[in-house]
């Protein structure tokens, strides 16, 4: 699906509809020293079974694409949960 590079939508900081630049959100690297990550690693190690059962087959074929919207006026960044897509492409309309 083609997604426009710029969208005119509501900005909560400006309290008005302004033009936003659109990018696809990519999560950052997980922090190894975060408490949850340390707890997860601790539970995973050893000779016992896995912490969670391994999934036999995939339930979903696609992932939900999250759009990152940045206001051109004030620079406020907000996320918009998208729909399930096999391929998302940001295009210039």
PDB file of N, CA and C in Angstrom:
ATOM      1  N   UNK A   1       0.843  -1.179   0.000  1.00  0.00           N
ATOM      2  CA  UNK A   1       0.000   0.000   0.000  1.00  0.00           C
ATOM      3  C   UNK A   1       0.886   1.240   0.000  1.00  0.00           C
ATOM      4  N   UNK A   2       0.499   2.204  -0.764  1.00  0.00           N
ATOM      5  CA  UNK A   2       1.259   3.451  -0.829  1.00  0.00           C
ATOM      6  C   UNK A   2       0.725   4.430   0.211  1.00  0.00           C
ATOM      7  N   UNK A   3       1.643   4.992   0.989  1.00  0.00           N
ATOM      8  CA  UNK A   3       1.297   5.953   2.039  1.00  0.00           C
ATOM      9  C   UNK A   3       1.883   7.300   1.642  1.00  0.00           C
ATOM     10  N   UNK A   4       1.095   8.394   1.714  1.00  0.00           N
ATOM     11  CA  UNK A   4       1.638   9.701   1.345  1.00  0.00           C
ATOM     12  C   UNK A   4       2.738  10.162   2.297  1.00  0.00           C
ATOM     13  N   UNK A   5       3.686  10.924   1.748  1.00  0.00           N
ATOM     14  CA  UNK A   5       4.824  11.419   2.529  1.00  0.00           C
ATOM     15  C   UNK A   5       4.392  12.477   3.537  1.00  0.00           C
ATOM     16  N   UNK A   6       3.331  13.212   3.220  1.00  0.00           N
ATOM     17  CA  UNK A   6       2.814  14.260   4.098  1.00  0.00           C
ATOM     18  C   UNK A   6       1.308  14.097   4.260  1.00  0.00           C
ATOM     19  N   UNK A   7       0.834  14.241   5.522  1.00  0.00           N
ATOM     20  CA  UNK A   7      -0.592  14.117   5.831  1.00  0.00           C
ATOM     21  C   UNK A   7      -1.011  15.346   6.619  1.00  0.00           C
ATOM     22  N   UNK A   8      -2.188  15.875   6.298  1.00  0.00           N
ATOM     23  CA  UNK A   8      -2.746  16.986   7.081  1.00  0.00           C
ATOM     24  C   UNK A   8      -3.665  16.371   8.131  1.00  0.00           C
ATOM     25  N   UNK A   9      -3.223  16.438   9.409  1.00  0.00           N
ATOM     26  CA  UNK A   9      -3.989  15.826  10.496  1.00  0.00           C
ATOM     27  C   UNK A   9      -3.845  16.643  11.774  1.00  0.00           C
ATOM     28  N   UNK A  10      -4.577  16.234  12.809  1.00  0.00           N
ATOM     29  CA  UNK A  10      -4.633  16.990  14.070  1.00  0.00           C
ATOM     30  C   UNK A  10      -3.342  16.863  14.864  1.00  0.00           C
ATOM     31  N   UNK A  11      -2.863  18.005  15.365  1.00  0.00           N
ATOM     32  CA  UNK A  11      -1.691  18.041  16.250  1.00  0.00           C
ATOM     33  C   UNK A  11      -2.168  18.477  17.638  1.00  0.00           C
ATOM     34  N   UNK A  12      -1.972  17.620  18.668  1.00  0.00           N
ATOM     35  CA  UNK A  12      -2.454  17.989  20.008  1.00  0.00           C
ATOM     36  C   UNK A  12      -1.730  19.183  20.628  1.00  0.00           C
ATOM     37  N   UNK A  13      -0.474  19.421  20.238  1.00  0.00           N
ATOM     38  CA  UNK A  13       0.263  20.550  20.812  1.00  0.00           C
ATOM     39  C   UNK A  13      -0.173  21.871  20.179  1.00  0.00           C
ATOM     40  N   UNK A  14      -0.342  21.862  18.855  1.00  0.00           N
ATOM     41  CA  UNK A  14      -0.810  23.076  18.162  1.00  0.00           C
ATOM     42  C   UNK A  14      -2.316  23.273  18.346  1.00  0.00           C
ATOM     43  N   UNK A  15      -3.025  22.218  18.708  1.00  0.00           N
ATOM     44  CA  UNK A  15      -4.475  22.220  18.869  1.00  0.00           C
ATOM     45  C   UNK A  15      -5.172  22.614  17.567  1.00  0.00           C
ATOM     46  N   UNK A  16      -4.596  22.157  16.453  1.00  0.00           N
ATOM     47  CA  UNK A  16      -5.153  22.462  15.136  1.00  0.00           C
ATOM     48  C   UNK A  16      -4.692  21.404  14.145  1.00  0.00           C
ATOM     49  N   UNK A  17      -5.297  21.405  12.982  1.00  0.00           N
ATOM     50  CA  UNK A  17      -4.870  20.504  11.915  1.00  0.00           C
ATOM     51  C   UNK A  17      -3.689  21.134  11.176  1.00  0.00           C
ATOM     52  N   UNK A  18      -2.574  20.420  11.149  1.00  0.00           N
ATOM     53  CA  UNK A  18      -1.375  20.903  10.465  1.00  0.00           C
ATOM     54  C   UNK A  18      -0.819  19.796   9.587  1.00  0.00           C
ATOM     55  N   UNK A  19       0.163  20.137   8.767  1.00  0.00           N
ATOM     56  CA  UNK A  19       0.799  19.150   7.890  1.00  0.00           C
ATOM     57  C   UNK A  19       1.843  18.378   8.696  1.00  0.00           C
ATOM     58  N   UNK A  20       1.813  17.053   8.581  1.00  0.00           N
ATOM     59  CA  UNK A  20       2.743  16.170   9.267  1.00  0.00           C
ATOM     60  C   UNK A  20       3.536  15.369   8.242  1.00  0.00           C
ATOM     61  N   UNK A  21       4.821  15.148   8.521  1.00  0.00           N
ATOM     62  CA  UNK A  21       5.612  14.252   7.681  1.00  0.00           C
ATOM     63  C   UNK A  21       5.439  12.836   8.227  1.00  0.00           C
ATOM     64  N   UNK A  22       5.376  11.866   7.331  1.00  0.00           N
ATOM     65  CA  UNK A  22       5.073  10.489   7.707  1.00  0.00           C
ATOM     66  C   UNK A  22       6.290   9.601   7.477  1.00  0.00           C
ATOM     67  N   UNK A  23       6.652   8.812   8.497  1.00  0.00           N
ATOM     68  CA  UNK A  23       7.671   7.773   8.354  1.00  0.00           C
ATOM     69  C   UNK A  23       7.142   6.511   9.012  1.00  0.00           C
ATOM     70  N   UNK A  24       7.710   5.376   8.658  1.00  0.00           N
ATOM     71  CA  UNK A  24       7.316   4.112   9.266  1.00  0.00           C
ATOM     72  C   UNK A  24       8.150   3.913  10.523  1.00  0.00           C
ATOM     73  N   UNK A  25       7.482   3.644  11.642  1.00  0.00           N
ATOM     74  CA  UNK A  25       8.149   3.493  12.936  1.00  0.00           C
ATOM     75  C   UNK A  25       8.952   2.203  12.979  1.00  0.00           C
ATOM     76  N   UNK A  26      10.199   2.319  13.445  1.00  0.00           N
ATOM     77  CA  UNK A  26      11.038   1.147  13.664  1.00  0.00           C
ATOM     78  C   UNK A  26      11.501   1.197  15.113  1.00  0.00           C
ATOM     79  N   UNK A  27      11.317   0.095  15.834  1.00  0.00           N
ATOM     80  CA  UNK A  27      11.709   0.088  17.243  1.00  0.00           C
ATOM     81  C   UNK A  27      13.221   0.072  17.361  1.00  0.00           C
ATOM     82  N   UNK A  28      13.729   0.642  18.450  1.00  0.00           N
ATOM     83  CA  UNK A  28      15.159   0.688  18.701  1.00  0.00           C
ATOM     84  C   UNK A  28      15.666  -0.623  19.277  1.00  0.00           C
ATOM     85  N   UNK A  29      16.968  -0.688  19.520  1.00  0.00           N
ATOM     86  CA  UNK A  29      17.560  -1.893  20.091  1.00  0.00           C
ATOM     87  C   UNK A  29      17.154  -2.016  21.558  1.00  0.00           C
ATOM     88  N   UNK A  30      16.896  -3.246  22.010  1.00  0.00           N
ATOM     89  CA  UNK A  30      16.511  -3.457  23.400  1.00  0.00           C
ATOM     90  C   UNK A  30      17.719  -3.228  24.306  1.00  0.00           C
ATOM     91  N   UNK A  31      17.471  -2.640  25.484  1.00  0.00           N
ATOM     92  CA  UNK A  31      18.548  -2.377  26.431  1.00  0.00           C
ATOM     93  C   UNK A  31      18.828  -3.639  27.233  1.00  0.00           C
ATOM     94  N   UNK A  32      20.055  -4.086  27.205  1.00  0.00           N
ATOM     95  CA  UNK A  32      20.427  -5.331  27.885  1.00  0.00           C
ATOM     96  C   UNK A  32      20.375  -5.191  29.397  1.00  0.00           C
ATOM     97  N   UNK A  33      20.541  -3.978  29.926  1.00  0.00           N
ATOM     98  CA  UNK A  33      20.564  -3.775  31.374  1.00  0.00           C
ATOM     99  C   UNK A  33      19.208  -3.387  31.952  1.00  0.00           C
ATOM    100  N   UNK A  34      18.165  -3.348  31.123  1.00  0.00           N
ATOM    101  CA  UNK A  34      16.827  -3.041  31.626  1.00  0.00           C
ATOM    102  C   UNK A  34      16.344  -4.196  32.501  1.00  0.00           C
ATOM    103  N   UNK A  35      15.563  -3.880  33.521  1.00  0.00           N
ATOM    104  CA  UNK A  35      15.140  -4.887  34.511  1.00  0.00           C
ATOM    105  C   UNK A  35      14.372  -6.042  33.871  1.00  0.00           C
ATOM    106  N   UNK A  36      13.461  -5.728  32.979  1.00  0.00           N
ATOM    107  CA  UNK A  36      12.673  -6.777  32.324  1.00  0.00           C
ATOM    108  C   UNK A  36      13.529  -7.691  31.461  1.00  0.00           C
ATOM    109  N   UNK A  37      14.496  -7.124  30.781  1.00  0.00           N
ATOM    110  CA  UNK A  37      15.391  -7.907  29.916  1.00  0.00           C
ATOM    111  C   UNK A  37      16.276  -8.830  30.750  1.00  0.00           C
ATOM    112  N   UNK A  38      16.768  -8.331  31.896  1.00  0.00           N
ATOM    113  CA  UNK A  38      17.598  -9.158  32.789  1.00  0.00           C
ATOM    114  C   UNK A  38      16.779 -10.311  33.365  1.00  0.00           C
ATOM    115  N   UNK A  39      15.537 -10.011  33.744  1.00  0.00           N
ATOM    116  CA  UNK A  39      14.654 -11.033  34.291  1.00  0.00           C
ATOM    117  C   UNK A  39      14.372 -12.108  33.250  1.00  0.00           C
ATOM    118  N   UNK A  40      14.141 -11.679  32.016  1.00  0.00           N
ATOM    119  CA  UNK A  40      13.860 -12.602  30.910  1.00  0.00           C
ATOM    120  C   UNK A  40      15.059 -13.515  30.653  1.00  0.00           C
ATOM    121  N   UNK A  41      16.252 -12.939  30.580  1.00  0.00           N
ATOM    122  CA  UNK A  41      17.476 -13.722  30.338  1.00  0.00           C
ATOM    123  C   UNK A  41      17.720 -14.725  31.462  1.00  0.00           C
ATOM    124  N   UNK A  42      17.473 -14.286  32.719  1.00  0.00           N
ATOM    125  CA  UNK A  42      17.676 -15.158  33.880  1.00  0.00           C
ATOM    126  C   UNK A  42      16.747 -16.368  33.823  1.00  0.00           C
ATOM    127  N   UNK A  43      15.507 -16.125  33.423  1.00  0.00           N
ATOM    128  CA  UNK A  43      14.532 -17.216  33.352  1.00  0.00           C
ATOM    129  C   UNK A  43      14.817 -18.150  32.190  1.00  0.00           C
ATOM    130  N   UNK A  44      15.422 -17.639  31.113  1.00  0.00           N
ATOM    131  CA  UNK A  44      15.686 -18.448  29.923  1.00  0.00           C
ATOM    132  C   UNK A  44      16.854 -19.414  30.118  1.00  0.00           C
ATOM    133  N   UNK A  45      17.841 -19.045  30.952  1.00  0.00           N
ATOM    134  CA  UNK A  45      19.050 -19.864  31.045  1.00  0.00           C
ATOM    135  C   UNK A  45      18.825 -21.119  31.900  1.00  0.00           C
ATOM    136  N   UNK A  46      19.741 -22.078  31.753  1.00  0.00           N
ATOM    137  CA  UNK A  46      19.649 -23.308  32.527  1.00  0.00           C
ATOM    138  C   UNK A  46      19.301 -24.491  31.642  1.00  0.00           C
ATOM    139  N   UNK A  47      19.042 -25.616  32.282  1.00  0.00           N
ATOM    140  CA  UNK A  47      18.768 -26.851  31.556  1.00  0.00           C
ATOM    141  C   UNK A  47      17.272 -27.117  31.400  1.00  0.00           C
ATOM    142  N   UNK A  48      16.457 -26.327  32.054  1.00  0.00           N
ATOM    143  CA  UNK A  48      15.008 -26.552  32.020  1.00  0.00           C
ATOM    144  C   UNK A  48      14.398 -26.200  30.675  1.00  0.00           C
ATOM    145  N   UNK A  49      13.094 -26.243  30.635  1.00  0.00           N
ATOM    146  CA  UNK A  49      12.381 -25.959  29.393  1.00  0.00           C
ATOM    147  C   UNK A  49      12.335 -24.452  29.155  1.00  0.00           C
ATOM    148  N   UNK A  50      11.813 -24.076  27.993  1.00  0.00           N
ATOM    149  CA  UNK A  50      11.686 -22.658  27.637  1.00  0.00           C
ATOM    150  C   UNK A  50      10.681 -21.986  28.555  1.00  0.00           C
ATOM    151  N   UNK A  51      10.796 -20.666  28.645  1.00  0.00           N
ATOM    152  CA  UNK A  51       9.921 -19.892  29.509  1.00  0.00           C
ATOM    153  C   UNK A  51       8.488 -19.902  28.983  1.00  0.00           C
ATOM    154  N   UNK A  52       8.372 -19.776  27.665  1.00  0.00           N
ATOM    155  CA  UNK A  52       7.059 -19.786  27.030  1.00  0.00           C
ATOM    156  C   UNK A  52       7.052 -20.890  25.992  1.00  0.00           C
ATOM    157  N   UNK A  53       5.909 -21.500  25.727  1.00  0.00           N
ATOM    158  CA  UNK A  53       5.871 -22.567  24.726  1.00  0.00           C
ATOM    159  C   UNK A  53       6.176 -22.037  23.327  1.00  0.00           C
ATOM    160  N   UNK A  54       6.924 -22.801  22.542  1.00  0.00           N
ATOM    161  CA  UNK A  54       7.239 -22.385  21.183  1.00  0.00           C
ATOM    162  C   UNK A  54       6.008 -22.558  20.313  1.00  0.00           C
ATOM    163  N   UNK A  55       5.782 -21.558  19.473  1.00  0.00           N
ATOM    164  CA  UNK A  55       4.602 -21.576  18.621  1.00  0.00           C
ATOM    165  C   UNK A  55       4.816 -22.554  17.473  1.00  0.00           C
ATOM    166  N   UNK A  56       3.852 -23.426  17.277  1.00  0.00           N
ATOM    167  CA  UNK A  56       3.986 -24.461  16.248  1.00  0.00           C
ATOM    168  C   UNK A  56       3.804 -23.874  14.844  1.00  0.00           C
ATOM    169  N   UNK A  57       2.829 -23.000  14.693  1.00  0.00           N
ATOM    170  CA  UNK A  57       2.589 -22.368  13.387  1.00  0.00           C
ATOM    171  C   UNK A  57       2.247 -20.895  13.604  1.00  0.00           C
ATOM    172  N   UNK A  58       2.502 -20.107  12.611  1.00  0.00           N
ATOM    173  CA  UNK A  58       2.249 -18.678  12.712  1.00  0.00           C
ATOM    174  C   UNK A  58       0.758 -18.394  12.630  1.00  0.00           C
ATOM    175  N   UNK A  59       0.290 -17.543  13.522  1.00  0.00           N
ATOM    176  CA  UNK A  59      -1.121 -17.186  13.526  1.00  0.00           C
ATOM    177  C   UNK A  59      -1.390 -16.071  12.515  1.00  0.00           C
ATOM    178  N   UNK A  60      -0.441 -15.164  12.391  1.00  0.00           N
ATOM    179  CA  UNK A  60      -0.634 -14.018  11.502  1.00  0.00           C
ATOM    180  C   UNK A  60       0.421 -14.016  10.404  1.00  0.00           C
ATOM    181  N   UNK A  61       0.029 -13.528   9.249  1.00  0.00           N
ATOM    182  CA  UNK A  61       0.931 -13.472   8.095  1.00  0.00           C
ATOM    183  C   UNK A  61       1.618 -12.107   8.036  1.00  0.00           C
ATOM    184  N   UNK A  62       0.926 -11.069   8.517  1.00  0.00           N
ATOM    185  CA  UNK A  62       1.436  -9.708   8.404  1.00  0.00           C
ATOM    186  C   UNK A  62       1.587  -9.073   9.784  1.00  0.00           C
ATOM    187  N   UNK A  63       2.280  -7.926   9.819  1.00  0.00           N
ATOM    188  CA  UNK A  63       2.403  -7.150  11.045  1.00  0.00           C
ATOM    189  C   UNK A  63       1.682  -5.818  10.846  1.00  0.00           C
ATOM    190  N   UNK A  64       1.271  -5.216  11.965  1.00  0.00           N
ATOM    191  CA  UNK A  64       0.641  -3.901  11.872  1.00  0.00           C
ATOM    192  C   UNK A  64       1.730  -2.856  11.704  1.00  0.00           C
ATOM    193  N   UNK A  65       1.573  -1.998  10.722  1.00  0.00           N
ATOM    194  CA  UNK A  65       2.532  -0.933  10.449  1.00  0.00           C
ATOM    195  C   UNK A  65       2.151   0.278  11.297  1.00  0.00           C
ATOM    196  N   UNK A  66       3.104   0.785  12.098  1.00  0.00           N
ATOM    197  CA  UNK A  66       2.874   1.981  12.916  1.00  0.00           C
ATOM    198  C   UNK A  66       3.473   3.171  12.185  1.00  0.00           C
ATOM    199  N   UNK A  67       2.667   4.216  12.007  1.00  0.00           N
ATOM    200  CA  UNK A  67       3.138   5.420  11.324  1.00  0.00           C
ATOM    201  C   UNK A  67       3.598   6.439  12.361  1.00  0.00           C
ATOM    202  N   UNK A  68       4.749   7.061  12.104  1.00  0.00           N
ATOM    203  CA  UNK A  68       5.287   8.103  12.971  1.00  0.00           C
ATOM    204  C   UNK A  68       5.006   9.437  12.290  1.00  0.00           C
ATOM    205  N   UNK A  69       4.187  10.260  12.919  1.00  0.00           N
ATOM    206  CA  UNK A  69       3.792  11.546  12.345  1.00  0.00           C
ATOM    207  C   UNK A  69       4.519  12.675  13.073  1.00  0.00           C
ATOM    208  N   UNK A  70       5.214  13.520  12.321  1.00  0.00           N
ATOM    209  CA  UNK A  70       5.938  14.658  12.899  1.00  0.00           C
ATOM    210  C   UNK A  70       5.340  15.945  12.364  1.00  0.00           C
ATOM    211  N   UNK A  71       4.888  16.797  13.286  1.00  0.00           N
ATOM    212  CA  UNK A  71       4.271  18.076  12.908  1.00  0.00           C
ATOM    213  C   UNK A  71       5.336  18.996  12.321  1.00  0.00           C
ATOM    214  N   UNK A  72       5.025  19.586  11.180  1.00  0.00           N
ATOM    215  CA  UNK A  72       5.987  20.488  10.535  1.00  0.00           C
ATOM    216  C   UNK A  72       6.060  21.840  11.236  1.00  0.00           C
ATOM    217  N   UNK A  73       5.000  22.184  11.965  1.00  0.00           N
ATOM    218  CA  UNK A  73       4.944  23.497  12.616  1.00  0.00           C
ATOM    219  C   UNK A  73       5.713  23.503  13.941  1.00  0.00           C
ATOM    220  N   UNK A  74       5.443  22.507  14.812  1.00  0.00           N
ATOM    221  CA  UNK A  74       6.062  22.525  16.146  1.00  0.00           C
ATOM    222  C   UNK A  74       7.030  21.361  16.377  1.00  0.00           C
ATOM    223  N   UNK A  75       7.030  20.358  15.514  1.00  0.00           N
ATOM    224  CA  UNK A  75       7.965  19.244  15.656  1.00  0.00           C
ATOM    225  C   UNK A  75       7.493  18.130  16.582  1.00  0.00           C
ATOM    226  N   UNK A  76       6.227  18.180  17.006  1.00  0.00           N
ATOM    227  CA  UNK A  76       5.672  17.161  17.903  1.00  0.00           C
ATOM    228  C   UNK A  76       5.515  15.839  17.150  1.00  0.00           C
ATOM    229  N   UNK A  77       5.967  14.732  17.768  1.00  0.00           N
ATOM    230  CA  UNK A  77       5.881  13.420  17.131  1.00  0.00           C
ATOM    231  C   UNK A  77       4.796  12.598  17.810  1.00  0.00           C
ATOM    232  N   UNK A  78       3.899  12.040  17.003  1.00  0.00           N
ATOM    233  CA  UNK A  78       2.865  11.158  17.523  1.00  0.00           C
ATOM    234  C   UNK A  78       2.810   9.908  16.654  1.00  0.00           C
ATOM    235  N   UNK A  79       2.309   8.820  17.227  1.00  0.00           N
ATOM    236  CA  UNK A  79       2.214   7.557  16.495  1.00  0.00           C
ATOM    237  C   UNK A  79       0.775   7.292  16.104  1.00  0.00           C
ATOM    238  N   UNK A  80       0.599   6.638  14.978  1.00  0.00           N
ATOM    239  CA  UNK A  80      -0.722   6.222  14.535  1.00  0.00           C
ATOM    240  C   UNK A  80      -0.656   4.758  14.167  1.00  0.00           C
ATOM    241  N   UNK A  81      -1.452   3.962  14.868  1.00  0.00           N
ATOM    242  CA  UNK A  81      -1.464   2.531  14.587  1.00  0.00           C
ATOM    243  C   UNK A  81      -2.145   2.297  13.248  1.00  0.00           C
ATOM    244  N   UNK A  82      -1.436   1.614  12.387  1.00  0.00           N
ATOM    245  CA  UNK A  82      -1.950   1.396  11.044  1.00  0.00           C
ATOM    246  C   UNK A  82      -2.731   0.113  10.936  1.00  0.00           C
ATOM    247  N   UNK A  83      -2.895  -0.325   9.709  1.00  0.00           N
ATOM    248  CA  UNK A  83      -3.602  -1.558   9.431  1.00  0.00           C
ATOM    249  C   UNK A  83      -2.590  -2.623   9.048  1.00  0.00           C
ATOM    250  N   UNK A  84      -3.030  -3.862   8.990  1.00  0.00           N
ATOM    251  CA  UNK A  84      -2.139  -4.954   8.624  1.00  0.00           C
ATOM    252  C   UNK A  84      -1.826  -4.879   7.137  1.00  0.00           C
ATOM    253  N   UNK A  85      -0.524  -4.816   6.836  1.00  0.00           N
ATOM    254  CA  UNK A  85      -0.088  -4.721   5.435  1.00  0.00           C
ATOM    255  C   UNK A  85       1.070  -5.674   5.201  1.00  0.00           C
ATOM    256  N   UNK A  86       1.122  -6.243   4.017  1.00  0.00           N
ATOM    257  CA  UNK A  86       2.278  -7.051   3.654  1.00  0.00           C
ATOM    258  C   UNK A  86       3.443  -6.125   3.293  1.00  0.00           C
ATOM    259  N   UNK A  87       3.121  -5.037   2.589  1.00  0.00           N
ATOM    260  CA  UNK A  87       4.160  -4.109   2.153  1.00  0.00           C
ATOM    261  C   UNK A  87       3.645  -2.685   2.243  1.00  0.00           C
ATOM    262  N   UNK A  88       4.370  -1.840   2.945  1.00  0.00           N
ATOM    263  CA  UNK A  88       4.029  -0.419   3.052  1.00  0.00           C
ATOM    264  C   UNK A  88       5.112   0.387   2.364  1.00  0.00           C
ATOM    265  N   UNK A  89       4.682   1.326   1.552  1.00  0.00           N
ATOM    266  CA  UNK A  89       5.641   2.135   0.784  1.00  0.00           C
ATOM    267  C   UNK A  89       5.240   3.602   0.910  1.00  0.00           C
ATOM    268  N   UNK A  90       6.192   4.432   1.364  1.00  0.00           N
ATOM    269  CA  UNK A  90       5.923   5.870   1.466  1.00  0.00           C
ATOM    270  C   UNK A  90       6.253   6.490   0.116  1.00  0.00           C
ATOM    271  N   UNK A  91       5.234   7.097  -0.475  1.00  0.00           N
ATOM    272  CA  UNK A  91       5.409   7.651  -1.821  1.00  0.00           C
ATOM    273  C   UNK A  91       5.043   9.124  -1.839  1.00  0.00           C
ATOM    274  N   UNK A  92       5.551   9.787  -2.831  1.00  0.00           N
ATOM    275  CA  UNK A  92       5.297  11.224  -3.007  1.00  0.00           C
ATOM    276  C   UNK A  92       4.118  11.369  -3.933  1.00  0.00           C
ATOM    277  N   UNK A  93       3.014  11.896  -3.412  1.00  0.00           N
ATOM    278  CA  UNK A  93       1.819  12.068  -4.247  1.00  0.00           C
ATOM    279  C   UNK A  93       1.790  13.428  -4.881  1.00  0.00           C
TER     280      UNK A  93
END
